Amino acid sequence: MNICLFGGTFDPIHRGHLALARAAREHCKLSRILFVPANIPPHKQQEPLSEFSHRYAMVTLATMNEKVFVPSLLEAPEECAETSSGGKKKDHSPKPNYTIDTIRQLRRTLKKSDQLFLLIGIDAFKDIAKWHKSEELFRECEFVVASRPGYSLADVANALPAKLRPRQAVTLPFRKQAATGSLVLSGVTVHLLDEVHQPISCSVIREAAAAGKKLARFVDPAVADYIKKMGLYTGGE
């Protein structure tokens, strides 16, 4: 099976996330897409986030009508994972959720014939070389990257970790090519999605919720109801 991991804060999950997942499903013939809310995203450790339980609940509500979409607890706080498995809670500081660890944890549950994909946006991909053990990550999975106007194949190739990055002579012809299709290099496979442009921001949604505005154009109705019921983003959480 083709299985894809789609991680993020999902604070909240919105229509743009779902549109991206649908596009990836069609492009890569995905059998399952795991929506993985991060407990402690490495790049946002200092930013305040809604409680994991709320973000996971919203992911569950947003994906419940799509058989291929699966909410995942792969990056849940350790106490959640231990409670669900009947274990005892440990007393130690939580660690950031590194994608390489999540991918490897997932791989241990799969068959050797299963193919793993990682779905991210191109703005995140341009910093991929800074990710924890990024070179190893490319050996573990293929990437599905949501492109957008203004990026070329050269931008994608030059964002790769140094040891995986092709020589400038190789990337020079890429500068005139839009970031679409697939980029296949030694040890690297990147599938690029185009025409998935949904300018929706989680921060805009949170601001709209705080102002008491309707959220139906941003999020699934069930998610909008949950946000209102739980008083999220209004100080009533």
Protein backbone atom coordinates (compact mmCIF):
# COMPACT_ATOMS: atom_id res chain seq x y z
CA MET A 1 0.00 0.00 0.00
CA ASN A 2 0.96 3.62 -0.48
CA ILE A 3 0.77 5.26 2.95
CA CYS A 4 1.30 8.95 3.60
CA LEU A 5 2.08 10.86 6.77
CA PHE A 6 0.66 14.38 6.95
CA GLY A 7 1.89 16.16 10.07
CA GLY A 8 1.26 19.61 11.46
CA THR A 9 -0.09 21.54 14.40
CA PHE A 10 -3.61 21.52 12.93
CA ASP A 11 -4.57 24.43 15.19
CA PRO A 12 -7.15 24.17 13.70
CA ILE A 13 -7.32 21.77 10.76
CA HIS A 14 -8.95 23.60 7.84
CA ARG A 15 -10.24 23.16 4.29
CA GLY A 16 -6.80 23.86 2.83
CA HIS A 17 -5.34 20.87 4.68
CA LEU A 18 -8.10 18.62 3.35
CA ALA A 19 -7.75 19.91 -0.23
CA LEU A 20 -4.03 19.22 -0.11
CA ALA A 21 -4.59 15.70 1.20
CA ARG A 22 -7.14 14.97 -1.55
CA ALA A 23 -4.72 16.19 -4.22
CA ALA A 24 -1.94 14.00 -2.80
CA ARG A 25 -4.28 11.01 -2.65
CA GLU A 26 -5.08 11.31 -6.35
CA HIS A 27 -1.55 12.13 -7.49
CA CYS A 28 0.22 9.32 -5.63
CA LYS A 29 -2.62 6.78 -5.47
CA LEU A 30 -2.51 6.79 -1.69
CA SER A 31 -4.34 4.06 0.22
CA ARG A 32 -4.13 5.84 3.57
CA ILE A 33 -3.22 9.33 4.76
CA LEU A 34 -2.38 9.64 8.44
CA PHE A 35 -3.13 13.09 9.86
CA VAL A 36 -0.61 13.44 12.69
CA PRO A 37 -1.07 16.40 15.06
CA ALA A 38 2.27 17.30 16.64
CA ASN A 39 2.51 17.54 20.40
CA ILE A 40 5.70 19.63 20.32
CA PRO A 41 6.67 20.66 16.77
CA PRO A 42 10.45 21.32 16.72
CA HIS A 43 10.11 24.58 14.77
CA LYS A 44 7.34 25.96 16.97
CA GLN A 45 8.47 25.01 20.48
CA GLN A 46 8.03 28.53 21.81
CA GLU A 47 4.64 29.17 20.21
CA PRO A 48 1.47 28.62 22.27
CA LEU A 49 -0.72 25.82 20.94
CA SER A 50 -4.15 24.55 21.84
CA GLU A 51 -4.13 21.40 23.94
CA PHE A 52 -3.28 18.28 21.96
CA SER A 53 -6.64 16.71 22.84
CA HIS A 54 -8.51 19.57 21.15
CA ARG A 55 -6.39 19.49 18.02
CA TYR A 56 -6.71 15.72 17.73
CA ALA A 57 -10.49 15.95 18.23
CA MET A 58 -10.76 18.51 15.42
CA VAL A 59 -8.69 16.30 13.10
CA THR A 60 -10.99 13.38 13.91
CA LEU A 61 -14.08 15.44 13.12
CA ALA A 62 -12.66 16.83 9.87
CA THR A 63 -11.61 13.44 8.51
CA MET A 64 -14.51 11.24 9.62
CA ASN A 65 -16.20 11.21 6.19
CA GLU A 66 -13.08 10.20 4.25
CA LYS A 67 -12.15 6.52 4.47
CA VAL A 68 -8.58 7.14 3.33
CA PHE A 69 -8.00 9.87 5.95
CA VAL A 70 -7.00 8.54 9.37
CA PRO A 71 -6.41 10.62 12.53
CA SER A 72 -3.22 9.45 14.23
CA LEU A 73 -1.77 9.52 17.76
CA LEU A 74 1.79 8.91 16.56
CA GLU A 75 2.96 12.21 18.10
CA ALA A 76 0.58 12.31 21.04
CA PRO A 77 1.87 13.36 24.49
CA GLU A 78 3.41 10.34 26.16
CA GLU A 79 0.78 10.27 28.88
CA CYS A 80 -1.93 9.92 26.20
CA ALA A 81 -0.14 7.05 24.51
CA GLU A 82 0.52 5.32 27.82
CA THR A 83 -3.05 5.74 29.00
CA SER A 84 -4.43 4.29 25.77
CA SER A 85 -2.09 1.29 26.06
CA GLY A 86 -2.63 0.79 29.79
CA GLY A 87 0.89 1.82 30.74
CA LYS A 88 2.01 3.96 33.64
CA LYS A 89 2.72 7.65 33.24
CA LYS A 90 6.38 8.58 33.36
CA ASP A 91 7.71 11.76 34.89
CA HIS A 92 10.07 13.48 32.46
CA SER A 93 10.16 16.48 30.18
CA PRO A 94 8.49 16.00 26.79
CA LYS A 95 10.71 15.96 23.72
CA PRO A 96 10.08 17.61 20.35
CA ASN A 97 8.40 15.43 17.73
CA TYR A 98 11.04 14.87 15.07
CA THR A 99 9.61 13.61 11.79
CA ILE A 100 12.36 11.03 11.31
CA ASP A 101 11.37 9.37 14.60
CA THR A 102 7.68 9.40 13.68
CA ILE A 103 8.34 7.91 10.25
CA ARG A 104 10.45 5.13 11.75
CA GLN A 105 7.86 4.43 14.42
CA LEU A 106 5.23 4.15 11.70
CA ARG A 107 7.41 1.96 9.49
CA ARG A 108 7.74 -0.62 12.28
CA THR A 109 4.00 -1.25 12.03
CA LEU A 110 3.92 -1.69 8.24
CA LYS A 111 4.78 -4.38 5.75
CA LYS A 112 8.08 -4.23 3.88
CA SER A 113 6.14 -3.82 0.63
CA ASP A 114 4.36 -0.68 1.86
CA GLN A 115 5.62 2.59 0.39
CA LEU A 116 5.84 5.62 2.69
CA PHE A 117 5.25 9.22 1.66
CA LEU A 118 5.54 12.49 3.58
CA LEU A 119 3.20 15.35 2.66
CA ILE A 120 4.30 18.95 3.32
CA GLY A 121 4.00 22.41 1.78
CA ILE A 122 6.78 23.96 -0.25
CA ASP A 123 7.37 26.69 2.35
CA ALA A 124 8.25 23.97 4.84
CA PHE A 125 10.26 22.04 2.27
CA LYS A 126 12.55 24.98 1.54
CA ASP A 127 13.92 24.52 5.10
CA ILE A 128 14.13 20.73 4.88
CA ALA A 129 17.93 20.73 5.12
CA LYS A 130 17.59 22.15 8.66
CA TRP A 131 15.34 19.30 9.81
CA HIS A 132 16.63 16.74 12.29
CA LYS A 133 18.47 13.96 10.39
CA SER A 134 17.09 15.26 7.11
CA GLU A 135 19.37 13.11 4.94
CA GLU A 136 18.11 9.98 6.65
CA LEU A 137 14.52 11.12 6.18
CA PHE A 138 14.90 11.00 2.39
CA ARG A 139 16.01 7.37 2.68
CA GLU A 140 12.92 6.50 4.67
CA CYS A 141 10.21 7.99 2.45
CA GLU A 142 9.26 9.83 -0.72
CA PHE A 143 8.12 13.43 -0.40
CA VAL A 144 4.88 14.93 -1.67
CA VAL A 145 5.25 18.70 -1.78
CA ALA A 146 2.49 21.23 -2.42
CA SER A 147 4.02 23.71 -4.83
CA ARG A 148 2.85 27.21 -5.67
CA PRO A 149 3.66 29.91 -8.23
CA GLY A 150 7.09 31.48 -8.00
CA TYR A 151 9.02 28.28 -7.27
CA SER A 152 11.12 26.37 -9.79
CA LEU A 153 12.55 22.86 -9.85
CA ALA A 154 15.91 24.46 -9.09
CA ASP A 155 14.49 25.87 -5.84
CA VAL A 156 13.33 22.39 -4.88
CA ALA A 157 16.68 20.77 -5.75
CA ASN A 158 18.71 23.47 -3.99
CA ALA A 159 16.65 23.05 -0.81
CA LEU A 160 17.87 19.48 -0.40
CA PRO A 161 20.43 18.59 2.29
CA ALA A 162 23.97 19.36 1.10
CA LYS A 163 24.99 15.73 0.54
CA LEU A 164 21.89 15.06 -1.57
CA ARG A 165 21.94 18.32 -3.49
CA PRO A 166 22.92 18.01 -7.17
CA ARG A 167 25.71 20.10 -8.67
CA GLN A 168 24.84 23.56 -9.93
CA ALA A 169 25.46 22.42 -13.49
CA VAL A 170 22.68 19.89 -13.06
CA THR A 171 20.18 22.32 -11.54
CA LEU A 172 20.86 25.18 -13.96
CA PRO A 173 18.32 23.95 -16.57
CA PHE A 174 15.76 23.55 -13.74
CA ARG A 175 15.58 27.31 -13.17
CA LYS A 176 13.15 27.82 -16.03
CA GLN A 177 10.96 24.88 -15.05
CA ALA A 178 8.03 25.37 -12.70
CA ALA A 179 7.98 23.19 -9.60
CA THR A 180 5.58 20.57 -10.93
CA GLY A 181 5.74 16.87 -11.74
CA SER A 182 8.38 14.79 -9.98
CA LEU A 183 12.02 15.34 -9.13
CA VAL A 184 13.98 12.08 -9.02
CA LEU A 185 17.64 12.23 -8.08
CA SER A 186 20.04 9.81 -6.43
CA GLY A 187 18.45 8.95 -3.07
CA VAL A 188 15.68 11.54 -3.51
CA THR A 189 12.14 11.37 -4.86
CA VAL A 190 9.92 14.44 -4.62
CA HIS A 191 6.41 14.54 -6.10
CA LEU A 192 5.24 18.10 -6.66
CA LEU A 193 1.57 19.06 -6.52
CA ASP A 194 0.38 22.15 -8.35
CA GLU A 195 -2.95 23.97 -8.45
CA VAL A 196 -3.65 23.35 -4.76
CA HIS A 197 -3.78 27.00 -3.78
CA GLN A 198 -6.04 27.60 -0.77
CA PRO A 199 -4.87 30.77 1.00
CA ILE A 200 -6.17 29.77 4.41
CA SER A 201 -4.16 30.54 7.52
CA CYS A 202 -4.65 28.97 10.94
CA SER A 203 -3.89 32.33 12.53
CA VAL A 204 -6.63 34.01 10.49
CA ILE A 205 -9.09 31.34 11.59
CA ARG A 206 -8.13 31.82 15.23
CA GLU A 207 -8.58 35.58 14.89
CA ALA A 208 -11.99 35.07 13.27
CA ALA A 209 -13.03 32.75 16.11
CA ALA A 210 -11.85 35.27 18.70
CA ALA A 211 -13.96 37.93 16.97
CA GLY A 212 -17.04 35.68 17.00
CA LYS A 213 -17.16 35.41 13.20
CA LYS A 214 -18.56 32.40 11.34
CA LEU A 215 -15.95 29.85 10.38
CA ALA A 216 -17.82 27.75 7.81
CA ARG A 217 -15.76 29.01 4.87
CA PHE A 218 -12.53 28.03 6.62
CA VAL A 219 -13.25 24.72 8.33
CA ASP A 220 -15.56 21.70 8.23
CA PRO A 221 -18.93 22.42 9.93
CA ALA A 222 -18.23 19.84 12.63
CA VAL A 223 -14.93 21.57 13.40
CA ALA A 224 -16.61 24.97 13.50
CA ASP A 225 -19.17 23.61 15.98
CA TYR A 226 -16.42 22.11 18.12
CA ILE A 227 -14.48 25.38 18.22
CA LYS A 228 -17.61 27.26 19.30
CA LYS A 229 -18.69 24.64 21.84
CA MET A 230 -15.27 24.38 23.48
CA GLY A 231 -14.62 28.11 23.38
CA LEU A 232 -11.33 27.66 21.52
CA TYR A 233 -9.34 30.75 20.55
CA THR A 234 -11.54 33.01 22.65
CA GLY A 235 -9.82 32.67 26.00
CA GLY A 236 -12.47 30.24 27.21
CA GLU A 237 -10.40 27.15 26.59
